[in-house]
C-alpha atoms as a PDB file:
ATOM      1  CA  MET A   1     -12.976   7.675 -28.769  1.00  0.00           C
ATOM      2  CA  ASN A   2     -15.445  10.361 -27.919  1.00  0.00           C
ATOM      3  CA  PRO A   3     -13.735  13.156 -25.900  1.00  0.00           C
ATOM      4  CA  VAL A   4     -16.711  13.443 -23.549  1.00  0.00           C
ATOM      5  CA  PHE A   5     -16.490   9.730 -22.788  1.00  0.00           C
ATOM      6  CA  ALA A   6     -12.751  10.042 -22.106  1.00  0.00           C
ATOM      7  CA  ILE A   7     -13.357  12.897 -19.669  1.00  0.00           C
ATOM      8  CA  LEU A   8     -16.084  10.901 -17.911  1.00  0.00           C
ATOM      9  CA  VAL A   9     -13.761   7.905 -17.598  1.00  0.00           C
ATOM     10  CA  VAL A  10     -11.020  10.077 -16.103  1.00  0.00           C
ATOM     11  CA  LEU A  11     -13.474  11.625 -13.635  1.00  0.00           C
ATOM     12  CA  ALA A  12     -14.780   8.183 -12.694  1.00  0.00           C
ATOM     13  CA  VAL A  13     -11.242   6.921 -12.055  1.00  0.00           C
ATOM     14  CA  ILE A  14     -10.451   9.957  -9.881  1.00  0.00           C
ATOM     15  CA  LEU A  15     -13.682   9.481  -7.930  1.00  0.00           C
ATOM     16  CA  LEU A  16     -12.906   5.784  -7.473  1.00  0.00           C
ATOM     17  CA  TRP A  17      -9.407   6.679  -6.259  1.00  0.00           C
ATOM     18  CA  PHE A  18     -10.784   8.965  -3.548  1.00  0.00           C
ATOM     19  CA  LEU A  19     -13.475   6.496  -2.530  1.00  0.00           C
ATOM     20  CA  LEU A  20     -11.035   3.593  -2.190  1.00  0.00           C
ATOM     21  CA  SER A  21      -8.104   5.433  -0.621  1.00  0.00           C
ATOM     22  CA  PRO A  22      -9.374   5.066   3.004  1.00  0.00           C
ATOM     23  CA  ALA A  23      -9.485   1.295   2.491  1.00  0.00           C
ATOM     24  CA  PHE A  24      -5.740   1.199   1.814  1.00  0.00           C
ATOM     25  CA  ILE A  25      -4.757   2.851   5.111  1.00  0.00           C
ATOM     26  CA  PRO A  26      -5.416  -0.264   7.272  1.00  0.00           C
ATOM     27  CA  LEU A  27      -3.881  -2.445   4.583  1.00  0.00           C
ATOM     28  CA  GLY A  28      -0.740  -0.316   4.623  1.00  0.00           C
ATOM     29  CA  LYS A  29      -0.541  -0.554   8.411  1.00  0.00           C
ATOM     30  CA  ILE A  30      -0.754  -4.342   8.256  1.00  0.00           C
ATOM     31  CA  ILE A  31       1.899  -4.583   5.547  1.00  0.00           C
ATOM     32  CA  TYR A  32       4.177  -2.197   7.448  1.00  0.00           C
ATOM     33  CA  ARG A  33       3.800  -4.219  10.656  1.00  0.00           C
ATOM     34  CA  VAL A  34       4.642  -7.492   8.863  1.00  0.00           C
ATOM     35  CA  TRP A  35       7.641  -5.835   7.158  1.00  0.00           C
ATOM     36  CA  ARG A  36       8.917  -4.371  10.434  1.00  0.00           C
ATOM     37  CA  ASP A  37       8.579  -7.716  12.231  1.00  0.00           C
ATOM     38  CA  ALA A  38      10.485  -9.465   9.455  1.00  0.00           C
ATOM     39  CA  VAL A  39      13.303  -6.915   9.553  1.00  0.00           C
ATOM     40  CA  ASP A  40      13.490  -7.184  13.349  1.00  0.00           C
ATOM     41  CA  GLU A  41      13.773 -10.976  13.122  1.00  0.00           C
ATOM     42  CA  ILE A  42      16.517 -10.728  10.492  1.00  0.00           C
ATOM     43  CA  LYS A  43      18.474  -8.286  12.652  1.00  0.00           C
ATOM     44  CA  LYS A  44      17.982 -10.511  15.704  1.00  0.00           C
ATOM     45  CA  ASP A  45      19.287 -13.540  13.784  1.00  0.00           C
ATOM     46  CA  GLU A  46      22.316 -11.564  12.577  1.00  0.00           C
ATOM     47  CA  LYS A  47      23.152 -10.510  16.125  1.00  0.00           C
ATOM     48  CA  GLU A  48      22.925 -14.119  17.317  1.00  0.00           C
ATOM     49  CA  LYS A  49      25.271 -15.255  14.535  1.00  0.00           C
ATOM     50  CA  GLU A  50      27.820 -12.569  15.475  1.00  0.00           C
ATOM     51  CA  GLU A  51      27.906 -13.754  19.086  1.00  0.00           C
END
């Protein structure tokens, strides 16, 4: 593979990373909220079983 092409590919991937990274912030918030709600429900169910 041509070294210049490899460098261009690496630069393109880095540029794509920085361009797409703001899109993952809302996605991460949504996933975190779903995860937190699931953990809260599991803990609530465990407390009910103990009582």
